[in-house]
Amino acid sequence: MDRTTAAIISAIVVVIAIIAAIAYYFGLVFLIRLILGICYGLLTIVFAIMFGILVYAKSKYAFASLVGLLTSAYATYQCYIWSEPMHIVYITIAYILAVVIGIWWISEPDLSLIERIRSARSLEKSGNFRAAARKYEKKEDYIKAAECYIKANMLESAAWCYEKAEKYAEAAKIYEKLAREKNESYYWKEAYEFYKKAGLKEKAAECLSNYAKDEPWYWEDVAKLYEEMGDKENAKEAWKNALEYYIKEAEEEGVFWEDVANIYEKLGETDKFREAMIKYVEYCKKEAEKDPAWYKHVAEAYERLGMKEEAEKARKKYEEFKSATYQARSER
């Protein structure tokens, strides 16, 4: 047994011993009064703080906290004088009922009292699809919930329910519809994710292509997805779109010339591959002047160009840098 467990067990034993001693020397009634008095005293402090905050915030719930403050303070007082013990019982019952009603109320958000009482089926028949969907969702009947959400024109909630029911293709269709109706690229990404989960790669690639029109760095993912499907023609088009994006990026930040070169290599354009890779080498050499660790990338780029002698020189500089770094750390 470790020290923490032993300390916890010891503390529990001490508390039980204190409670037993109080009950023995002062009686069970005194023990009940003491426990209730402490509990209601703490509640009085909590309600007092809440009341002050809510009054300052001009909240409509200030009155409820005032009721809680007065009842808990009165219960604390009665625990002390014990003149009307039944009043404490009534207040305790009222608190328990308030907690139960509160939990029940929170469990079905956005529903009126009548909607809470009625069944999901009756709400659906009456055309109250939003409330019916909430009820079905609580019962974990996610397909029925999704159908009702669709009728209530709450499409995102419907998609969420289809996801919970593992009906990924249905969720994807909803996101695809939202993307077309709202013209927001985010929904294309969601549709892609769910079509992919559903195993519908062609639809997934189509949705990701639409997403990539607004977020062009995803064209590479589109190309790879088409390659997985064996669709060479669409993969080639996607690679061209990715190439266009990476060329723009490379003109601003030279490190992307490697990506440009990789795509040219994939498209079989050897001359352009070499041009892009040479630009990447030049970028790496400039970086290596500031940080010799970049000689590793210089060497790798020269190797891809078939320039073995230059690659060996760059690798030698990188090894010298590594050796010097290791020696400096050892001396520390």
C-alpha atoms as a PDB file:
ATOM      1  CA  MET A   1       0.000   0.000   0.000  1.00  0.00           C
ATOM      2  CA  ASP A   2       1.432   3.414  -0.992  1.00  0.00           C
ATOM      3  CA  ARG A   3       1.459   6.479   1.240  1.00  0.00           C
ATOM      4  CA  THR A   4      -1.399   8.250  -0.537  1.00  0.00           C
ATOM      5  CA  THR A   5      -3.766   5.279  -0.170  1.00  0.00           C
ATOM      6  CA  ALA A   6      -2.756   4.837   3.455  1.00  0.00           C
ATOM      7  CA  ALA A   7      -3.386   8.549   4.139  1.00  0.00           C
ATOM      8  CA  ILE A   8      -6.833   8.403   2.531  1.00  0.00           C
ATOM      9  CA  ILE A   9      -7.811   5.307   4.508  1.00  0.00           C
ATOM     10  CA  SER A  10      -6.521   6.900   7.727  1.00  0.00           C
ATOM     11  CA  ALA A  11      -8.519  10.079   7.054  1.00  0.00           C
ATOM     12  CA  ILE A  12     -11.704   8.065   6.434  1.00  0.00           C
ATOM     13  CA  VAL A  13     -11.178   6.105   9.635  1.00  0.00           C
ATOM     14  CA  VAL A  14     -10.651   9.340  11.603  1.00  0.00           C
ATOM     15  CA  VAL A  15     -13.837  10.926  10.161  1.00  0.00           C
ATOM     16  CA  ILE A  16     -15.890   7.803  10.951  1.00  0.00           C
ATOM     17  CA  ALA A  17     -14.446   7.755  14.484  1.00  0.00           C
ATOM     18  CA  ILE A  18     -15.345  11.444  15.013  1.00  0.00           C
ATOM     19  CA  ILE A  19     -18.899  10.878  13.726  1.00  0.00           C
ATOM     20  CA  ALA A  20     -19.314   7.808  15.958  1.00  0.00           C
ATOM     21  CA  ALA A  21     -17.991   9.719  18.986  1.00  0.00           C
ATOM     22  CA  ILE A  22     -20.378  12.637  18.425  1.00  0.00           C
ATOM     23  CA  ALA A  23     -23.332  10.244  18.026  1.00  0.00           C
ATOM     24  CA  TYR A  24     -22.301   8.377  21.191  1.00  0.00           C
ATOM     25  CA  TYR A  25     -21.667  11.369  23.474  1.00  0.00           C
ATOM     26  CA  PHE A  26     -24.251  13.877  22.140  1.00  0.00           C
ATOM     27  CA  GLY A  27     -26.846  11.632  20.506  1.00  0.00           C
ATOM     28  CA  LEU A  28     -27.947  10.856  16.947  1.00  0.00           C
ATOM     29  CA  VAL A  29     -30.257  13.897  16.740  1.00  0.00           C
ATOM     30  CA  PHE A  30     -27.384  16.249  17.553  1.00  0.00           C
ATOM     31  CA  LEU A  31     -25.276  14.575  14.847  1.00  0.00           C
ATOM     32  CA  ILE A  32     -28.071  15.090  12.273  1.00  0.00           C
ATOM     33  CA  ARG A  33     -28.447  18.738  13.351  1.00  0.00           C
ATOM     34  CA  LEU A  34     -24.692  19.263  13.039  1.00  0.00           C
ATOM     35  CA  ILE A  35     -24.417  17.707   9.569  1.00  0.00           C
ATOM     36  CA  LEU A  36     -27.482  19.559   8.243  1.00  0.00           C
ATOM     37  CA  GLY A  37     -26.311  22.790   9.867  1.00  0.00           C
ATOM     38  CA  ILE A  38     -22.897  22.578   8.176  1.00  0.00           C
ATOM     39  CA  CYS A  39     -24.458  21.728   4.779  1.00  0.00           C
ATOM     40  CA  TYR A  40     -27.035  24.522   4.928  1.00  0.00           C
ATOM     41  CA  GLY A  41     -24.439  26.955   6.269  1.00  0.00           C
ATOM     42  CA  LEU A  42     -22.230  26.293   3.248  1.00  0.00           C
ATOM     43  CA  LEU A  43     -25.239  26.624   0.928  1.00  0.00           C
ATOM     44  CA  THR A  44     -26.062  29.986   2.530  1.00  0.00           C
ATOM     45  CA  ILE A  45     -22.554  31.254   1.749  1.00  0.00           C
ATOM     46  CA  VAL A  46     -22.783  29.987  -1.866  1.00  0.00           C
ATOM     47  CA  PHE A  47     -26.212  31.548  -2.417  1.00  0.00           C
ATOM     48  CA  ALA A  48     -25.052  34.831  -0.865  1.00  0.00           C
ATOM     49  CA  ILE A  49     -22.117  35.023  -3.294  1.00  0.00           C
ATOM     50  CA  MET A  50     -24.351  34.059  -6.245  1.00  0.00           C
ATOM     51  CA  PHE A  51     -26.971  36.638  -5.248  1.00  0.00           C
ATOM     52  CA  GLY A  52     -24.364  39.396  -5.106  1.00  0.00           C
ATOM     53  CA  ILE A  53     -22.947  38.465  -8.520  1.00  0.00           C
ATOM     54  CA  LEU A  54     -26.380  38.146 -10.156  1.00  0.00           C
ATOM     55  CA  VAL A  55     -27.615  41.460  -8.732  1.00  0.00           C
ATOM     56  CA  TYR A  56     -24.450  43.138 -10.036  1.00  0.00           C
ATOM     57  CA  ALA A  57     -25.018  41.516 -13.438  1.00  0.00           C
ATOM     58  CA  LYS A  58     -28.715  42.513 -13.357  1.00  0.00           C
ATOM     59  CA  SER A  59     -29.669  38.897 -14.060  1.00  0.00           C
ATOM     60  CA  LYS A  60     -33.260  37.650 -13.948  1.00  0.00           C
ATOM     61  CA  TYR A  61     -32.011  34.705 -11.851  1.00  0.00           C
ATOM     62  CA  ALA A  62     -31.177  36.999  -8.908  1.00  0.00           C
ATOM     63  CA  PHE A  63     -34.631  36.376  -7.398  1.00  0.00           C
ATOM     64  CA  ALA A  64     -34.136  32.573  -7.520  1.00  0.00           C
ATOM     65  CA  SER A  65     -30.771  32.921  -5.756  1.00  0.00           C
ATOM     66  CA  LEU A  66     -32.428  35.171  -3.135  1.00  0.00           C
ATOM     67  CA  VAL A  67     -35.029  32.461  -2.449  1.00  0.00           C
ATOM     68  CA  GLY A  68     -32.194  29.953  -2.066  1.00  0.00           C
ATOM     69  CA  LEU A  69     -30.317  32.322   0.261  1.00  0.00           C
ATOM     70  CA  LEU A  70     -33.314  32.920   2.541  1.00  0.00           C
ATOM     71  CA  THR A  71     -34.379  29.258   2.735  1.00  0.00           C
ATOM     72  CA  SER A  72     -30.854  27.966   3.380  1.00  0.00           C
ATOM     73  CA  ALA A  73     -30.234  30.663   6.015  1.00  0.00           C
ATOM     74  CA  TYR A  74     -33.514  29.786   7.719  1.00  0.00           C
ATOM     75  CA  ALA A  75     -32.660  26.061   7.637  1.00  0.00           C
ATOM     76  CA  THR A  76     -29.252  26.828   9.175  1.00  0.00           C
ATOM     77  CA  TYR A  77     -30.958  28.827  11.934  1.00  0.00           C
ATOM     78  CA  GLN A  78     -33.448  25.986  12.605  1.00  0.00           C
ATOM     79  CA  CYS A  79     -30.593  23.471  12.836  1.00  0.00           C
ATOM     80  CA  TYR A  80     -29.206  25.670  15.631  1.00  0.00           C
ATOM     81  CA  ILE A  81     -32.389  26.308  17.652  1.00  0.00           C
ATOM     82  CA  TRP A  82     -34.271  23.125  16.569  1.00  0.00           C
ATOM     83  CA  SER A  83     -37.683  24.649  17.297  1.00  0.00           C
ATOM     84  CA  GLU A  84     -39.333  23.612  14.002  1.00  0.00           C
ATOM     85  CA  PRO A  85     -37.433  20.550  12.706  1.00  0.00           C
ATOM     86  CA  MET A  86     -40.221  19.777  10.194  1.00  0.00           C
ATOM     87  CA  HIS A  87     -39.449  23.059   8.457  1.00  0.00           C
ATOM     88  CA  ILE A  88     -35.963  21.700   7.764  1.00  0.00           C
ATOM     89  CA  VAL A  89     -37.544  18.531   6.341  1.00  0.00           C
ATOM     90  CA  TYR A  90     -39.793  20.610   4.039  1.00  0.00           C
ATOM     91  CA  ILE A  91     -36.879  22.731   2.847  1.00  0.00           C
ATOM     92  CA  THR A  92     -34.747  19.617   2.239  1.00  0.00           C
ATOM     93  CA  ILE A  93     -37.567  18.014   0.214  1.00  0.00           C
ATOM     94  CA  ALA A  94     -37.962  21.255  -1.772  1.00  0.00           C
ATOM     95  CA  TYR A  95     -34.221  21.299  -2.536  1.00  0.00           C
ATOM     96  CA  ILE A  96     -34.257  17.662  -3.676  1.00  0.00           C
ATOM     97  CA  LEU A  97     -37.261  18.345  -5.931  1.00  0.00           C
ATOM     98  CA  ALA A  98     -35.522  21.441  -7.334  1.00  0.00           C
ATOM     99  CA  VAL A  99     -32.428  19.372  -8.207  1.00  0.00           C
ATOM    100  CA  VAL A 100     -34.550  16.627  -9.848  1.00  0.00           C
ATOM    101  CA  ILE A 101     -36.570  19.180 -11.853  1.00  0.00           C
ATOM    102  CA  GLY A 102     -33.366  20.985 -12.828  1.00  0.00           C
ATOM    103  CA  ILE A 103     -31.755  17.792 -14.134  1.00  0.00           C
ATOM    104  CA  TRP A 104     -34.970  16.922 -15.998  1.00  0.00           C
ATOM    105  CA  TRP A 105     -35.099  20.414 -17.492  1.00  0.00           C
ATOM    106  CA  ILE A 106     -31.473  20.351 -18.616  1.00  0.00           C
ATOM    107  CA  SER A 107     -31.869  16.880 -20.144  1.00  0.00           C
ATOM    108  CA  GLU A 108     -34.246  18.231 -22.818  1.00  0.00           C
ATOM    109  CA  PRO A 109     -32.940  21.669 -23.844  1.00  0.00           C
ATOM    110  CA  ASP A 110     -35.029  24.128 -25.857  1.00  0.00           C
ATOM    111  CA  LEU A 111     -38.296  22.313 -25.136  1.00  0.00           C
ATOM    112  CA  SER A 112     -41.390  23.869 -23.604  1.00  0.00           C
ATOM    113  CA  LEU A 113     -43.237  22.201 -20.723  1.00  0.00           C
ATOM    114  CA  ILE A 114     -45.884  20.735 -23.075  1.00  0.00           C
ATOM    115  CA  GLU A 115     -43.204  19.448 -25.455  1.00  0.00           C
ATOM    116  CA  ARG A 116     -41.439  17.733 -22.577  1.00  0.00           C
ATOM    117  CA  ILE A 117     -44.583  15.868 -21.585  1.00  0.00           C
ATOM    118  CA  ARG A 118     -45.548  14.699 -25.085  1.00  0.00           C
ATOM    119  CA  SER A 119     -43.890  11.722 -26.791  1.00  0.00           C
ATOM    120  CA  ALA A 120     -41.600  11.997 -29.787  1.00  0.00           C
ATOM    121  CA  ARG A 121     -44.162  10.188 -31.942  1.00  0.00           C
ATOM    122  CA  SER A 122     -46.995  12.585 -31.086  1.00  0.00           C
ATOM    123  CA  LEU A 123     -44.752  15.600 -31.634  1.00  0.00           C
ATOM    124  CA  GLU A 124     -43.770  14.253 -35.051  1.00  0.00           C
ATOM    125  CA  LYS A 125     -47.423  13.644 -36.028  1.00  0.00           C
ATOM    126  CA  SER A 126     -48.354  17.181 -35.013  1.00  0.00           C
ATOM    127  CA  GLY A 127     -45.591  18.593 -37.226  1.00  0.00           C
ATOM    128  CA  ASN A 128     -43.378  19.755 -34.383  1.00  0.00           C
ATOM    129  CA  PHE A 129     -40.316  18.184 -35.982  1.00  0.00           C
ATOM    130  CA  ARG A 130     -37.695  20.117 -34.008  1.00  0.00           C
ATOM    131  CA  ALA A 131     -39.033  18.949 -30.640  1.00  0.00           C
ATOM    132  CA  ALA A 132     -39.624  15.416 -31.981  1.00  0.00           C
ATOM    133  CA  ALA A 133     -36.013  15.281 -33.184  1.00  0.00           C
ATOM    134  CA  ARG A 134     -34.755  16.291 -29.734  1.00  0.00           C
ATOM    135  CA  LYS A 135     -36.845  13.515 -28.167  1.00  0.00           C
ATOM    136  CA  TYR A 136     -35.681  10.879 -30.661  1.00  0.00           C
ATOM    137  CA  GLU A 137     -32.083  11.990 -30.153  1.00  0.00           C
ATOM    138  CA  LYS A 138     -32.402  11.564 -26.403  1.00  0.00           C
ATOM    139  CA  LYS A 139     -33.754   8.021 -26.969  1.00  0.00           C
ATOM    140  CA  GLU A 140     -30.677   7.411 -29.216  1.00  0.00           C
ATOM    141  CA  ASP A 141     -32.939   6.763 -32.207  1.00  0.00           C
ATOM    142  CA  TYR A 142     -30.580   8.807 -34.351  1.00  0.00           C
ATOM    143  CA  ILE A 143     -32.043   7.914 -37.748  1.00  0.00           C
ATOM    144  CA  LYS A 144     -35.538   9.091 -36.781  1.00  0.00           C
ATOM    145  CA  ALA A 145     -33.969  12.154 -35.165  1.00  0.00           C
ATOM    146  CA  ALA A 146     -32.107  12.942 -38.389  1.00  0.00           C
ATOM    147  CA  GLU A 147     -35.282  12.566 -40.466  1.00  0.00           C
ATOM    148  CA  CYS A 148     -37.123  14.986 -38.183  1.00  0.00           C
ATOM    149  CA  TYR A 149     -34.226  17.451 -38.222  1.00  0.00           C
ATOM    150  CA  ILE A 150     -34.328  17.424 -42.027  1.00  0.00           C
ATOM    151  CA  LYS A 151     -38.056  18.204 -41.963  1.00  0.00           C
ATOM    152  CA  ALA A 152     -37.325  21.011 -39.492  1.00  0.00           C
ATOM    153  CA  ASN A 153     -34.617  22.293 -41.902  1.00  0.00           C
ATOM    154  CA  MET A 154     -31.925  21.790 -39.254  1.00  0.00           C
ATOM    155  CA  LEU A 155     -29.522  20.093 -41.611  1.00  0.00           C
ATOM    156  CA  GLU A 156     -26.325  20.241 -39.547  1.00  0.00           C
ATOM    157  CA  SER A 157     -28.098  18.587 -36.605  1.00  0.00           C
ATOM    158  CA  ALA A 158     -29.405  15.934 -39.011  1.00  0.00           C
ATOM    159  CA  ALA A 159     -25.883  15.291 -40.294  1.00  0.00           C
ATOM    160  CA  TRP A 160     -24.624  14.913 -36.736  1.00  0.00           C
ATOM    161  CA  CYS A 161     -27.334  12.330 -36.001  1.00  0.00           C
ATOM    162  CA  TYR A 162     -26.505  10.362 -39.146  1.00  0.00           C
ATOM    163  CA  GLU A 163     -22.878  10.387 -38.024  1.00  0.00           C
ATOM    164  CA  LYS A 164     -23.907   8.984 -34.620  1.00  0.00           C
ATOM    165  CA  ALA A 165     -25.904   6.297 -36.426  1.00  0.00           C
ATOM    166  CA  GLU A 166     -22.806   5.567 -38.584  1.00  0.00           C
ATOM    167  CA  LYS A 167     -24.754   6.457 -41.727  1.00  0.00           C
ATOM    168  CA  TYR A 168     -21.793   8.327 -43.149  1.00  0.00           C
ATOM    169  CA  ALA A 169     -23.025   8.546 -46.738  1.00  0.00           C
ATOM    170  CA  GLU A 170     -26.251  10.223 -45.563  1.00  0.00           C
ATOM    171  CA  ALA A 171     -24.266  12.707 -43.471  1.00  0.00           C
ATOM    172  CA  ALA A 172     -22.042  13.437 -46.466  1.00  0.00           C
ATOM    173  CA  LYS A 173     -25.062  14.126 -48.716  1.00  0.00           C
ATOM    174  CA  ILE A 174     -26.317  16.712 -46.242  1.00  0.00           C
ATOM    175  CA  TYR A 175     -22.947  18.471 -46.075  1.00  0.00           C
ATOM    176  CA  GLU A 176     -22.733  18.416 -49.862  1.00  0.00           C
ATOM    177  CA  LYS A 177     -26.174  20.029 -50.026  1.00  0.00           C
ATOM    178  CA  LEU A 178     -25.147  22.671 -47.480  1.00  0.00           C
ATOM    179  CA  ALA A 179     -21.985  23.416 -49.463  1.00  0.00           C
ATOM    180  CA  ARG A 180     -24.015  24.076 -52.612  1.00  0.00           C
ATOM    181  CA  GLU A 181     -26.728  26.083 -50.864  1.00  0.00           C
ATOM    182  CA  LYS A 182     -24.533  28.199 -48.583  1.00  0.00           C
ATOM    183  CA  ASN A 183     -21.507  28.362 -50.873  1.00  0.00           C
ATOM    184  CA  GLU A 184     -19.165  27.706 -47.947  1.00  0.00           C
ATOM    185  CA  SER A 185     -16.095  25.570 -48.624  1.00  0.00           C
ATOM    186  CA  TYR A 186     -16.034  24.165 -45.068  1.00  0.00           C
ATOM    187  CA  TYR A 187     -18.978  21.901 -45.909  1.00  0.00           C
ATOM    188  CA  TRP A 188     -17.127  20.392 -48.886  1.00  0.00           C
ATOM    189  CA  LYS A 189     -14.400  19.274 -46.485  1.00  0.00           C
ATOM    190  CA  GLU A 190     -16.984  17.676 -44.179  1.00  0.00           C
ATOM    191  CA  ALA A 191     -18.678  15.946 -47.115  1.00  0.00           C
ATOM    192  CA  TYR A 192     -15.301  14.598 -48.251  1.00  0.00           C
ATOM    193  CA  GLU A 193     -14.525  13.210 -44.784  1.00  0.00           C
ATOM    194  CA  PHE A 194     -17.837  11.346 -44.529  1.00  0.00           C
ATOM    195  CA  TYR A 195     -17.817  10.022 -48.092  1.00  0.00           C
ATOM    196  CA  LYS A 196     -14.335   8.728 -47.363  1.00  0.00           C
ATOM    197  CA  LYS A 197     -15.610   7.001 -44.189  1.00  0.00           C
ATOM    198  CA  ALA A 198     -18.435   5.505 -46.221  1.00  0.00           C
ATOM    199  CA  GLY A 199     -15.907   4.090 -48.701  1.00  0.00           C
ATOM    200  CA  LEU A 200     -17.210   6.224 -51.585  1.00  0.00           C
ATOM    201  CA  LYS A 201     -13.859   7.444 -52.875  1.00  0.00           C
ATOM    202  CA  GLU A 202     -15.167   8.907 -56.134  1.00  0.00           C
ATOM    203  CA  LYS A 203     -17.635  11.174 -54.319  1.00  0.00           C
ATOM    204  CA  ALA A 204     -14.975  11.967 -51.713  1.00  0.00           C
ATOM    205  CA  ALA A 205     -12.544  13.064 -54.418  1.00  0.00           C
ATOM    206  CA  GLU A 206     -15.222  15.194 -56.083  1.00  0.00           C
ATOM    207  CA  CYS A 207     -15.977  16.997 -52.810  1.00  0.00           C
ATOM    208  CA  LEU A 208     -12.308  17.485 -51.970  1.00  0.00           C
ATOM    209  CA  SER A 209     -11.774  18.942 -55.449  1.00  0.00           C
ATOM    210  CA  ASN A 210     -14.468  21.529 -54.758  1.00  0.00           C
ATOM    211  CA  TYR A 211     -12.836  22.295 -51.421  1.00  0.00           C
ATOM    212  CA  ALA A 212      -9.423  22.655 -53.058  1.00  0.00           C
ATOM    213  CA  LYS A 213     -10.771  25.402 -55.323  1.00  0.00           C
ATOM    214  CA  ASP A 214     -10.851  27.637 -52.232  1.00  0.00           C
ATOM    215  CA  GLU A 215      -8.018  25.939 -50.327  1.00  0.00           C
ATOM    216  CA  PRO A 216      -5.534  25.068 -53.115  1.00  0.00           C
ATOM    217  CA  TRP A 217      -2.980  23.308 -50.889  1.00  0.00           C
ATOM    218  CA  TYR A 218      -5.418  20.367 -50.915  1.00  0.00           C
ATOM    219  CA  TRP A 219      -4.932  19.688 -54.646  1.00  0.00           C
ATOM    220  CA  GLU A 220      -2.088  17.342 -53.782  1.00  0.00           C
ATOM    221  CA  ASP A 221      -4.443  15.284 -51.579  1.00  0.00           C
ATOM    222  CA  VAL A 222      -6.995  15.251 -54.404  1.00  0.00           C
ATOM    223  CA  ALA A 223      -4.353  13.948 -56.801  1.00  0.00           C
ATOM    224  CA  LYS A 224      -3.276  11.198 -54.416  1.00  0.00           C
ATOM    225  CA  LEU A 225      -6.894  10.170 -53.883  1.00  0.00           C
ATOM    226  CA  TYR A 226      -7.482   9.850 -57.624  1.00  0.00           C
ATOM    227  CA  GLU A 227      -4.256   7.852 -57.896  1.00  0.00           C
ATOM    228  CA  GLU A 228      -5.563   5.438 -55.248  1.00  0.00           C
ATOM    229  CA  MET A 229      -8.671   4.976 -57.388  1.00  0.00           C
ATOM    230  CA  GLY A 230      -6.600   4.428 -60.516  1.00  0.00           C
ATOM    231  CA  ASP A 231      -8.118   7.503 -62.199  1.00  0.00           C
ATOM    232  CA  LYS A 232      -4.995   8.744 -64.004  1.00  0.00           C
ATOM    233  CA  GLU A 233      -6.710  11.478 -66.002  1.00  0.00           C
ATOM    234  CA  ASN A 234      -8.251  13.265 -62.996  1.00  0.00           C
ATOM    235  CA  ALA A 235      -5.078  12.653 -60.970  1.00  0.00           C
ATOM    236  CA  LYS A 236      -3.058  14.424 -63.674  1.00  0.00           C
ATOM    237  CA  GLU A 237      -5.418  17.423 -63.662  1.00  0.00           C
ATOM    238  CA  ALA A 238      -5.205  17.625 -59.886  1.00  0.00           C
ATOM    239  CA  TRP A 239      -1.408  17.479 -59.992  1.00  0.00           C
ATOM    240  CA  LYS A 240      -1.422  20.372 -62.491  1.00  0.00           C
ATOM    241  CA  ASN A 241      -3.577  22.423 -60.129  1.00  0.00           C
ATOM    242  CA  ALA A 242      -1.245  21.540 -57.256  1.00  0.00           C
ATOM    243  CA  LEU A 243       1.710  22.568 -59.416  1.00  0.00           C
ATOM    244  CA  GLU A 244       0.146  25.970 -60.075  1.00  0.00           C
ATOM    245  CA  TYR A 245      -0.291  26.509 -56.343  1.00  0.00           C
ATOM    246  CA  TYR A 246       3.252  25.403 -55.426  1.00  0.00           C
ATOM    247  CA  ILE A 247       4.870  27.563 -58.116  1.00  0.00           C
ATOM    248  CA  LYS A 248       3.196  30.643 -56.599  1.00  0.00           C
ATOM    249  CA  GLU A 249       4.358  29.588 -53.143  1.00  0.00           C
ATOM    250  CA  ALA A 250       7.899  28.842 -54.354  1.00  0.00           C
ATOM    251  CA  GLU A 251       8.232  32.294 -55.864  1.00  0.00           C
ATOM    252  CA  GLU A 252       7.573  33.703 -52.375  1.00  0.00           C
ATOM    253  CA  GLU A 253       9.326  31.032 -50.301  1.00  0.00           C
ATOM    254  CA  GLY A 254      12.038  29.045 -52.096  1.00  0.00           C
ATOM    255  CA  VAL A 255      11.661  25.875 -50.017  1.00  0.00           C
ATOM    256  CA  PHE A 256       8.595  24.979 -52.112  1.00  0.00           C
ATOM    257  CA  TRP A 257      10.732  24.488 -55.245  1.00  0.00           C
ATOM    258  CA  GLU A 258      11.250  20.909 -54.058  1.00  0.00           C
ATOM    259  CA  ASP A 259       7.468  20.340 -54.191  1.00  0.00           C
ATOM    260  CA  VAL A 260       7.385  21.900 -57.655  1.00  0.00           C
ATOM    261  CA  ALA A 261      10.193  19.573 -58.761  1.00  0.00           C
ATOM    262  CA  ASN A 262       8.416  16.527 -57.315  1.00  0.00           C
ATOM    263  CA  ILE A 263       5.256  17.285 -59.272  1.00  0.00           C
ATOM    264  CA  TYR A 264       7.175  17.892 -62.519  1.00  0.00           C
ATOM    265  CA  GLU A 265       8.862  14.526 -61.948  1.00  0.00           C
ATOM    266  CA  LYS A 266       5.456  12.895 -61.453  1.00  0.00           C
ATOM    267  CA  LEU A 267       4.162  14.476 -64.665  1.00  0.00           C
ATOM    268  CA  GLY A 268       7.222  13.220 -66.538  1.00  0.00           C
ATOM    269  CA  GLU A 269       8.551  16.704 -67.389  1.00  0.00           C
ATOM    270  CA  THR A 270      12.271  16.025 -66.870  1.00  0.00           C
ATOM    271  CA  ASP A 271      13.668  19.392 -68.000  1.00  0.00           C
ATOM    272  CA  LYS A 272      11.313  21.354 -65.783  1.00  0.00           C
ATOM    273  CA  PHE A 273      12.058  18.972 -62.928  1.00  0.00           C
ATOM    274  CA  ARG A 274      15.770  19.808 -63.219  1.00  0.00           C
ATOM    275  CA  GLU A 275      15.079  23.561 -63.417  1.00  0.00           C
ATOM    276  CA  ALA A 276      12.957  23.467 -60.257  1.00  0.00           C
ATOM    277  CA  MET A 277      15.418  21.250 -58.395  1.00  0.00           C
ATOM    278  CA  ILE A 278      18.320  23.590 -59.253  1.00  0.00           C
ATOM    279  CA  LYS A 279      16.291  26.485 -57.808  1.00  0.00           C
ATOM    280  CA  TYR A 280      15.724  24.381 -54.705  1.00  0.00           C
ATOM    281  CA  VAL A 281      19.483  23.703 -54.446  1.00  0.00           C
ATOM    282  CA  GLU A 282      20.209  27.412 -54.662  1.00  0.00           C
ATOM    283  CA  TYR A 283      17.710  28.080 -51.901  1.00  0.00           C
ATOM    284  CA  CYS A 284      19.224  25.370 -49.679  1.00  0.00           C
ATOM    285  CA  LYS A 285      22.754  26.710 -50.248  1.00  0.00           C
ATOM    286  CA  LYS A 286      21.681  30.173 -49.119  1.00  0.00           C
ATOM    287  CA  GLU A 287      20.102  28.694 -46.006  1.00  0.00           C
ATOM    288  CA  ALA A 288      23.225  26.611 -45.381  1.00  0.00           C
ATOM    289  CA  GLU A 289      25.275  29.814 -45.130  1.00  0.00           C
ATOM    290  CA  LYS A 290      23.185  30.671 -42.047  1.00  0.00           C
ATOM    291  CA  ASP A 291      22.646  27.116 -40.801  1.00  0.00           C
ATOM    292  CA  PRO A 292      25.080  24.393 -42.018  1.00  0.00           C
ATOM    293  CA  ALA A 293      22.465  21.715 -41.211  1.00  0.00           C
ATOM    294  CA  TRP A 294      20.935  22.632 -44.583  1.00  0.00           C
ATOM    295  CA  TYR A 295      23.931  21.009 -46.346  1.00  0.00           C
ATOM    296  CA  LYS A 296      22.104  17.723 -45.833  1.00  0.00           C
ATOM    297  CA  HIS A 297      19.271  18.956 -48.093  1.00  0.00           C
ATOM    298  CA  VAL A 298      21.813  20.346 -50.560  1.00  0.00           C
ATOM    299  CA  ALA A 299      23.414  16.893 -50.810  1.00  0.00           C
ATOM    300  CA  GLU A 300      20.063  15.149 -51.270  1.00  0.00           C
ATOM    301  CA  ALA A 301      19.012  17.587 -54.013  1.00  0.00           C
ATOM    302  CA  TYR A 302      22.307  17.157 -55.886  1.00  0.00           C
ATOM    303  CA  GLU A 303      21.891  13.371 -55.695  1.00  0.00           C
ATOM    304  CA  ARG A 304      18.461  13.619 -57.296  1.00  0.00           C
ATOM    305  CA  LEU A 305      20.027  15.680 -60.063  1.00  0.00           C
ATOM    306  CA  GLY A 306      22.677  12.999 -60.545  1.00  0.00           C
ATOM    307  CA  MET A 307      25.450  15.404 -59.581  1.00  0.00           C
ATOM    308  CA  LYS A 308      27.405  12.989 -57.384  1.00  0.00           C
ATOM    309  CA  GLU A 309      30.549  15.082 -56.945  1.00  0.00           C
ATOM    310  CA  GLU A 310      28.613  18.143 -55.729  1.00  0.00           C
ATOM    311  CA  ALA A 311      26.494  15.892 -53.513  1.00  0.00           C
ATOM    312  CA  GLU A 312      29.595  14.431 -51.895  1.00  0.00           C
ATOM    313  CA  LYS A 313      31.057  17.901 -51.200  1.00  0.00           C
ATOM    314  CA  ALA A 314      27.801  19.027 -49.571  1.00  0.00           C
ATOM    315  CA  ARG A 315      27.584  15.839 -47.519  1.00  0.00           C
ATOM    316  CA  LYS A 316      31.152  16.337 -46.320  1.00  0.00           C
ATOM    317  CA  LYS A 317      30.281  19.860 -45.098  1.00  0.00           C
ATOM    318  CA  TYR A 318      27.229  18.475 -43.329  1.00  0.00           C
ATOM    319  CA  GLU A 319      29.297  15.764 -41.604  1.00  0.00           C
ATOM    320  CA  GLU A 320      31.865  18.358 -40.524  1.00  0.00           C
ATOM    321  CA  PHE A 321      29.044  20.447 -39.050  1.00  0.00           C
ATOM    322  CA  LYS A 322      27.622  17.420 -37.220  1.00  0.00           C
ATOM    323  CA  SER A 323      31.016  16.501 -35.837  1.00  0.00           C
ATOM    324  CA  ALA A 324      31.693  20.053 -34.634  1.00  0.00           C
ATOM    325  CA  THR A 325      28.245  20.248 -32.993  1.00  0.00           C
ATOM    326  CA  TYR A 326      28.758  16.920 -31.212  1.00  0.00           C
ATOM    327  CA  GLN A 327      32.195  17.968 -29.961  1.00  0.00           C
ATOM    328  CA  ALA A 328      30.849  21.294 -28.656  1.00  0.00           C
ATOM    329  CA  ARG A 329      28.110  19.480 -26.729  1.00  0.00           C
ATOM    330  CA  SER A 330      30.646  17.002 -25.282  1.00  0.00           C
ATOM    331  CA  GLU A 331      32.842  19.843 -24.001  1.00  0.00           C
ATOM    332  CA  ARG A 332      29.871  21.255 -22.061  1.00  0.00           C
END
